[in-house]
Amino acid sequence: MYVEDFERIIWRNTLVCIDFLTRWDPTCRSMRKTLDRLQQRMLGRVELYHVDVEDRNLERVLHRLEIVSVPTVVFFHRGEVMWRETGLRSPEHLLRVVDELEIRIRSDQH
């Protein structure tokens, strides 16, 4: 992925989830599986992308967002960081986060 692609993705008018990970880390692999299952349950409510922090093309993005630990999950809407956490999270926790973010987005639009 290139910086331009990343920027285009996070500036969408939908809720975008970026999972910053490494492919070799077991915690990252577990979080990736959780997010993939969660995406299936959310029926298009969130666009999900996995970004390998070892991708040299995204060094500026990682520095700007201060991604220093993995896995780090960040939700964006129109380029704004709406929520972020590092570490393994449960599907239930992430569903609550999505529900809360959708409420926030709707209230901001009125």
N, C-alpha and C. Protein backbone atom coordinates (compact mmCIF):
# COMPACT_ATOMS: atom_id res chain seq x y z
N MET A 1 0.86 -1.18 0.00
CA MET A 1 0.00 0.00 0.00
C MET A 1 0.90 1.24 0.00
N TYR A 2 0.44 2.25 -0.67
CA TYR A 2 1.17 3.51 -0.72
C TYR A 2 0.45 4.57 0.09
N VAL A 3 1.17 5.62 0.45
CA VAL A 3 0.59 6.70 1.26
C VAL A 3 -0.67 7.25 0.59
N GLU A 4 -0.64 7.44 -0.71
CA GLU A 4 -1.80 8.00 -1.42
C GLU A 4 -3.01 7.09 -1.27
N ASP A 5 -2.79 5.78 -1.37
CA ASP A 5 -3.88 4.82 -1.18
C ASP A 5 -4.43 4.91 0.24
N PHE A 6 -3.53 4.96 1.20
CA PHE A 6 -3.93 5.05 2.60
C PHE A 6 -4.77 6.30 2.84
N GLU A 7 -4.30 7.43 2.34
CA GLU A 7 -5.04 8.69 2.54
C GLU A 7 -6.42 8.63 1.88
N ARG A 8 -6.50 8.08 0.71
CA ARG A 8 -7.79 7.96 0.02
C ARG A 8 -8.75 7.08 0.83
N ILE A 9 -8.23 6.03 1.42
CA ILE A 9 -9.06 5.12 2.21
C ILE A 9 -9.60 5.80 3.46
N ILE A 10 -8.74 6.48 4.22
CA ILE A 10 -9.20 7.04 5.49
C ILE A 10 -10.10 8.26 5.32
N TRP A 11 -10.10 8.88 4.14
CA TRP A 11 -10.94 10.05 3.91
C TRP A 11 -12.32 9.69 3.37
N ARG A 12 -12.67 8.43 3.38
CA ARG A 12 -13.99 8.02 2.90
C ARG A 12 -15.07 8.51 3.85
N ASN A 13 -16.28 8.54 3.34
CA ASN A 13 -17.43 9.00 4.11
C ASN A 13 -18.09 7.85 4.86
N THR A 14 -17.33 6.84 5.14
CA THR A 14 -17.83 5.69 5.88
C THR A 14 -16.86 5.43 7.03
N LEU A 15 -17.24 4.59 7.94
CA LEU A 15 -16.36 4.22 9.04
C LEU A 15 -15.33 3.23 8.50
N VAL A 16 -14.05 3.55 8.68
CA VAL A 16 -12.95 2.74 8.18
C VAL A 16 -12.13 2.25 9.36
N CYS A 17 -11.88 0.97 9.39
CA CYS A 17 -11.05 0.36 10.44
C CYS A 17 -9.73 -0.07 9.81
N ILE A 18 -8.63 0.43 10.39
CA ILE A 18 -7.31 0.01 9.95
C ILE A 18 -6.67 -0.78 11.09
N ASP A 19 -6.27 -1.98 10.76
CA ASP A 19 -5.60 -2.88 11.70
C ASP A 19 -4.11 -2.84 11.37
N PHE A 20 -3.33 -2.16 12.21
CA PHE A 20 -1.88 -2.09 12.03
C PHE A 20 -1.27 -3.31 12.71
N LEU A 21 -0.51 -4.10 11.95
CA LEU A 21 -0.04 -5.39 12.45
C LEU A 21 1.29 -5.77 11.83
N THR A 22 1.83 -6.87 12.33
CA THR A 22 2.92 -7.56 11.65
C THR A 22 2.41 -8.95 11.35
N ARG A 23 2.87 -9.50 10.27
CA ARG A 23 2.37 -10.81 9.85
C ARG A 23 2.91 -11.95 10.71
N TRP A 24 4.01 -11.75 11.39
CA TRP A 24 4.65 -12.83 12.13
C TRP A 24 4.22 -12.89 13.60
N ASP A 25 3.57 -11.86 14.11
CA ASP A 25 3.22 -11.80 15.53
C ASP A 25 1.92 -12.57 15.81
N PRO A 26 1.93 -13.51 16.76
CA PRO A 26 0.72 -14.30 17.05
C PRO A 26 -0.45 -13.44 17.55
N THR A 27 -0.18 -12.41 18.33
CA THR A 27 -1.26 -11.54 18.81
C THR A 27 -1.89 -10.80 17.63
N CYS A 28 -1.08 -10.34 16.71
CA CYS A 28 -1.59 -9.67 15.51
C CYS A 28 -2.44 -10.62 14.67
N ARG A 29 -1.98 -11.84 14.53
CA ARG A 29 -2.75 -12.83 13.75
C ARG A 29 -4.11 -13.09 14.41
N SER A 30 -4.11 -13.17 15.73
CA SER A 30 -5.36 -13.40 16.45
C SER A 30 -6.31 -12.21 16.29
N MET A 31 -5.77 -11.00 16.39
CA MET A 31 -6.59 -9.80 16.23
C MET A 31 -7.13 -9.71 14.80
N ARG A 32 -6.32 -10.08 13.84
CA ARG A 32 -6.77 -10.07 12.44
C ARG A 32 -7.96 -11.01 12.24
N LYS A 33 -7.88 -12.20 12.81
CA LYS A 33 -9.00 -13.15 12.71
C LYS A 33 -10.25 -12.58 13.38
N THR A 34 -10.08 -11.96 14.54
CA THR A 34 -11.22 -11.35 15.24
C THR A 34 -11.86 -10.28 14.37
N LEU A 35 -11.04 -9.41 13.78
CA LEU A 35 -11.59 -8.34 12.95
C LEU A 35 -12.24 -8.88 11.68
N ASP A 36 -11.67 -9.89 11.08
CA ASP A 36 -12.28 -10.49 9.89
C ASP A 36 -13.64 -11.09 10.21
N ARG A 37 -13.75 -11.78 11.35
CA ARG A 37 -15.05 -12.33 11.77
C ARG A 37 -16.04 -11.21 12.07
N LEU A 38 -15.54 -10.17 12.72
CA LEU A 38 -16.38 -9.04 13.07
C LEU A 38 -16.92 -8.35 11.82
N GLN A 39 -16.09 -8.20 10.82
CA GLN A 39 -16.52 -7.55 9.58
C GLN A 39 -17.67 -8.34 8.95
N GLN A 40 -17.61 -9.64 8.98
CA GLN A 40 -18.69 -10.46 8.43
C GLN A 40 -19.99 -10.21 9.19
N ARG A 41 -19.90 -10.04 10.50
CA ARG A 41 -21.09 -9.81 11.33
C ARG A 41 -21.66 -8.41 11.14
N MET A 42 -20.85 -7.45 10.74
CA MET A 42 -21.30 -6.06 10.67
C MET A 42 -21.96 -5.71 9.35
N LEU A 43 -21.96 -6.61 8.39
CA LEU A 43 -22.70 -6.44 7.14
C LEU A 43 -22.47 -5.09 6.48
N GLY A 44 -21.21 -4.73 6.27
CA GLY A 44 -20.89 -3.52 5.53
C GLY A 44 -20.89 -2.23 6.31
N ARG A 45 -21.06 -2.30 7.61
CA ARG A 45 -21.07 -1.07 8.41
C ARG A 45 -19.68 -0.44 8.49
N VAL A 46 -18.63 -1.23 8.33
CA VAL A 46 -17.26 -0.76 8.47
C VAL A 46 -16.42 -1.35 7.33
N GLU A 47 -15.56 -0.52 6.75
CA GLU A 47 -14.57 -1.02 5.79
C GLU A 47 -13.32 -1.38 6.59
N LEU A 48 -12.81 -2.57 6.39
CA LEU A 48 -11.67 -3.07 7.16
C LEU A 48 -10.46 -3.24 6.27
N TYR A 49 -9.31 -2.75 6.75
CA TYR A 49 -8.05 -2.91 6.05
C TYR A 49 -6.99 -3.34 7.05
N HIS A 50 -6.10 -4.20 6.62
CA HIS A 50 -4.96 -4.63 7.43
C HIS A 50 -3.71 -4.01 6.84
N VAL A 51 -2.91 -3.37 7.68
CA VAL A 51 -1.70 -2.70 7.22
C VAL A 51 -0.51 -3.26 7.97
N ASP A 52 0.45 -3.79 7.24
CA ASP A 52 1.67 -4.33 7.82
C ASP A 52 2.61 -3.17 8.17
N VAL A 53 2.96 -3.05 9.44
CA VAL A 53 3.80 -1.93 9.87
C VAL A 53 5.23 -2.04 9.31
N GLU A 54 5.55 -3.17 8.74
CA GLU A 54 6.87 -3.33 8.14
C GLU A 54 6.90 -2.90 6.67
N ASP A 55 5.77 -2.39 6.18
CA ASP A 55 5.69 -1.86 4.82
C ASP A 55 6.42 -0.51 4.78
N ARG A 56 7.56 -0.47 4.13
CA ARG A 56 8.41 0.73 4.09
C ARG A 56 7.70 1.91 3.41
N ASN A 57 6.70 1.63 2.57
CA ASN A 57 5.99 2.71 1.89
C ASN A 57 5.15 3.56 2.84
N LEU A 58 4.87 3.04 4.03
CA LEU A 58 3.97 3.75 4.96
C LEU A 58 4.69 4.32 6.18
N GLU A 59 6.00 4.42 6.14
CA GLU A 59 6.74 4.91 7.30
C GLU A 59 6.26 6.28 7.77
N ARG A 60 5.97 7.19 6.83
CA ARG A 60 5.49 8.54 7.22
C ARG A 60 4.14 8.47 7.92
N VAL A 61 3.26 7.60 7.41
CA VAL A 61 1.93 7.44 8.02
C VAL A 61 2.06 6.89 9.43
N LEU A 62 2.89 5.86 9.59
CA LEU A 62 3.08 5.25 10.90
C LEU A 62 3.66 6.25 11.89
N HIS A 63 4.58 7.06 11.44
CA HIS A 63 5.18 8.09 12.30
C HIS A 63 4.12 9.14 12.67
N ARG A 64 3.37 9.61 11.68
CA ARG A 64 2.34 10.63 11.93
C ARG A 64 1.28 10.14 12.92
N LEU A 65 0.89 8.88 12.79
CA LEU A 65 -0.14 8.32 13.67
C LEU A 65 0.44 7.76 14.98
N GLU A 66 1.76 7.82 15.10
CA GLU A 66 2.45 7.32 16.30
C GLU A 66 2.12 5.85 16.58
N ILE A 67 2.20 5.04 15.54
CA ILE A 67 1.98 3.60 15.69
C ILE A 67 3.31 3.00 16.14
N VAL A 68 3.38 2.63 17.41
CA VAL A 68 4.62 2.09 17.97
C VAL A 68 4.46 0.66 18.49
N SER A 69 3.23 0.22 18.66
CA SER A 69 2.96 -1.14 19.14
C SER A 69 1.92 -1.78 18.25
N VAL A 70 1.97 -3.09 18.19
CA VAL A 70 0.99 -3.83 17.40
C VAL A 70 0.40 -4.96 18.23
N PRO A 71 -0.83 -5.34 17.94
CA PRO A 71 -1.70 -4.71 16.96
C PRO A 71 -2.29 -3.41 17.49
N THR A 72 -2.45 -2.44 16.61
CA THR A 72 -3.15 -1.20 16.92
C THR A 72 -4.29 -1.08 15.93
N VAL A 73 -5.48 -0.89 16.46
CA VAL A 73 -6.68 -0.74 15.63
C VAL A 73 -7.12 0.71 15.71
N VAL A 74 -7.33 1.31 14.53
CA VAL A 74 -7.74 2.71 14.47
C VAL A 74 -8.98 2.81 13.57
N PHE A 75 -10.00 3.50 14.07
CA PHE A 75 -11.19 3.79 13.27
C PHE A 75 -11.11 5.23 12.79
N PHE A 76 -11.33 5.42 11.49
CA PHE A 76 -11.32 6.74 10.86
C PHE A 76 -12.68 7.03 10.27
N HIS A 77 -13.00 8.31 10.19
CA HIS A 77 -14.15 8.78 9.43
C HIS A 77 -13.78 10.13 8.86
N ARG A 78 -13.82 10.22 7.54
CA ARG A 78 -13.44 11.45 6.83
C ARG A 78 -12.07 11.96 7.27
N GLY A 79 -11.13 11.05 7.43
CA GLY A 79 -9.76 11.42 7.77
C GLY A 79 -9.49 11.64 9.24
N GLU A 80 -10.52 11.67 10.04
CA GLU A 80 -10.37 11.91 11.48
C GLU A 80 -10.23 10.58 12.23
N VAL A 81 -9.28 10.55 13.15
CA VAL A 81 -9.16 9.38 14.04
C VAL A 81 -10.31 9.48 15.03
N MET A 82 -11.20 8.49 14.96
CA MET A 82 -12.37 8.48 15.84
C MET A 82 -12.11 7.67 17.11
N TRP A 83 -11.21 6.67 17.01
CA TRP A 83 -10.95 5.77 18.14
C TRP A 83 -9.71 4.96 17.81
N ARG A 84 -8.93 4.62 18.84
CA ARG A 84 -7.78 3.74 18.63
C ARG A 84 -7.44 3.03 19.93
N GLU A 85 -6.97 1.80 19.79
CA GLU A 85 -6.50 1.02 20.93
C GLU A 85 -5.44 0.06 20.44
N THR A 86 -4.54 -0.28 21.34
CA THR A 86 -3.49 -1.24 21.04
C THR A 86 -3.72 -2.49 21.86
N GLY A 87 -3.44 -3.63 21.26
CA GLY A 87 -3.59 -4.91 21.95
C GLY A 87 -4.78 -5.68 21.46
N LEU A 88 -4.92 -6.87 22.00
CA LEU A 88 -5.99 -7.77 21.61
C LEU A 88 -7.31 -7.32 22.24
N ARG A 89 -8.35 -7.23 21.42
CA ARG A 89 -9.67 -6.82 21.89
C ARG A 89 -10.70 -7.87 21.47
N SER A 90 -11.76 -7.97 22.25
CA SER A 90 -12.81 -8.95 21.96
C SER A 90 -13.74 -8.42 20.88
N PRO A 91 -14.40 -9.33 20.16
CA PRO A 91 -15.39 -8.89 19.17
C PRO A 91 -16.51 -8.06 19.80
N GLU A 92 -16.93 -8.43 20.99
CA GLU A 92 -18.00 -7.70 21.67
C GLU A 92 -17.59 -6.27 21.96
N HIS A 93 -16.36 -6.10 22.42
CA HIS A 93 -15.84 -4.75 22.70
C HIS A 93 -15.83 -3.92 21.42
N LEU A 94 -15.35 -4.52 20.34
CA LEU A 94 -15.25 -3.79 19.08
C LEU A 94 -16.63 -3.47 18.50
N LEU A 95 -17.60 -4.35 18.69
CA LEU A 95 -18.98 -4.05 18.26
C LEU A 95 -19.54 -2.85 19.02
N ARG A 96 -19.28 -2.79 20.32
CA ARG A 96 -19.72 -1.63 21.11
C ARG A 96 -19.07 -0.35 20.60
N VAL A 97 -17.79 -0.44 20.28
CA VAL A 97 -17.08 0.73 19.74
C VAL A 97 -17.73 1.19 18.44
N VAL A 98 -18.01 0.27 17.54
CA VAL A 98 -18.65 0.62 16.27
C VAL A 98 -20.01 1.26 16.52
N ASP A 99 -20.81 0.69 17.41
CA ASP A 99 -22.12 1.27 17.73
C ASP A 99 -21.97 2.71 18.23
N GLU A 100 -21.03 2.93 19.14
CA GLU A 100 -20.81 4.27 19.70
C GLU A 100 -20.31 5.24 18.64
N LEU A 101 -19.44 4.79 17.78
CA LEU A 101 -18.92 5.67 16.72
C LEU A 101 -20.01 6.05 15.72
N GLU A 102 -20.87 5.09 15.39
CA GLU A 102 -21.97 5.39 14.47
C GLU A 102 -22.90 6.43 15.07
N ILE A 103 -23.18 6.34 16.35
CA ILE A 103 -24.01 7.34 17.04
C ILE A 103 -23.35 8.71 16.97
N ARG A 104 -22.05 8.75 17.25
CA ARG A 104 -21.29 10.00 17.20
C ARG A 104 -21.30 10.61 15.80
N ILE A 105 -21.13 9.80 14.80
CA ILE A 105 -21.11 10.29 13.42
C ILE A 105 -22.47 10.85 13.04
N ARG A 106 -23.53 10.14 13.40
CA ARG A 106 -24.89 10.62 13.09
C ARG A 106 -25.18 11.95 13.78
N SER A 107 -24.77 12.07 15.04
CA SER A 107 -25.04 13.31 15.77
C SER A 107 -24.21 14.47 15.22
N ASP A 108 -23.02 14.18 14.71
CA ASP A 108 -22.17 15.23 14.11
C ASP A 108 -22.75 15.72 12.79
N GLN A 109 -23.52 14.88 12.11
CA GLN A 109 -24.07 15.24 10.82
C GLN A 109 -25.34 16.09 10.94
N HIS A 110 -25.86 16.21 12.13
CA HIS A 110 -27.08 17.02 12.31
C HIS A 110 -26.77 18.36 12.89
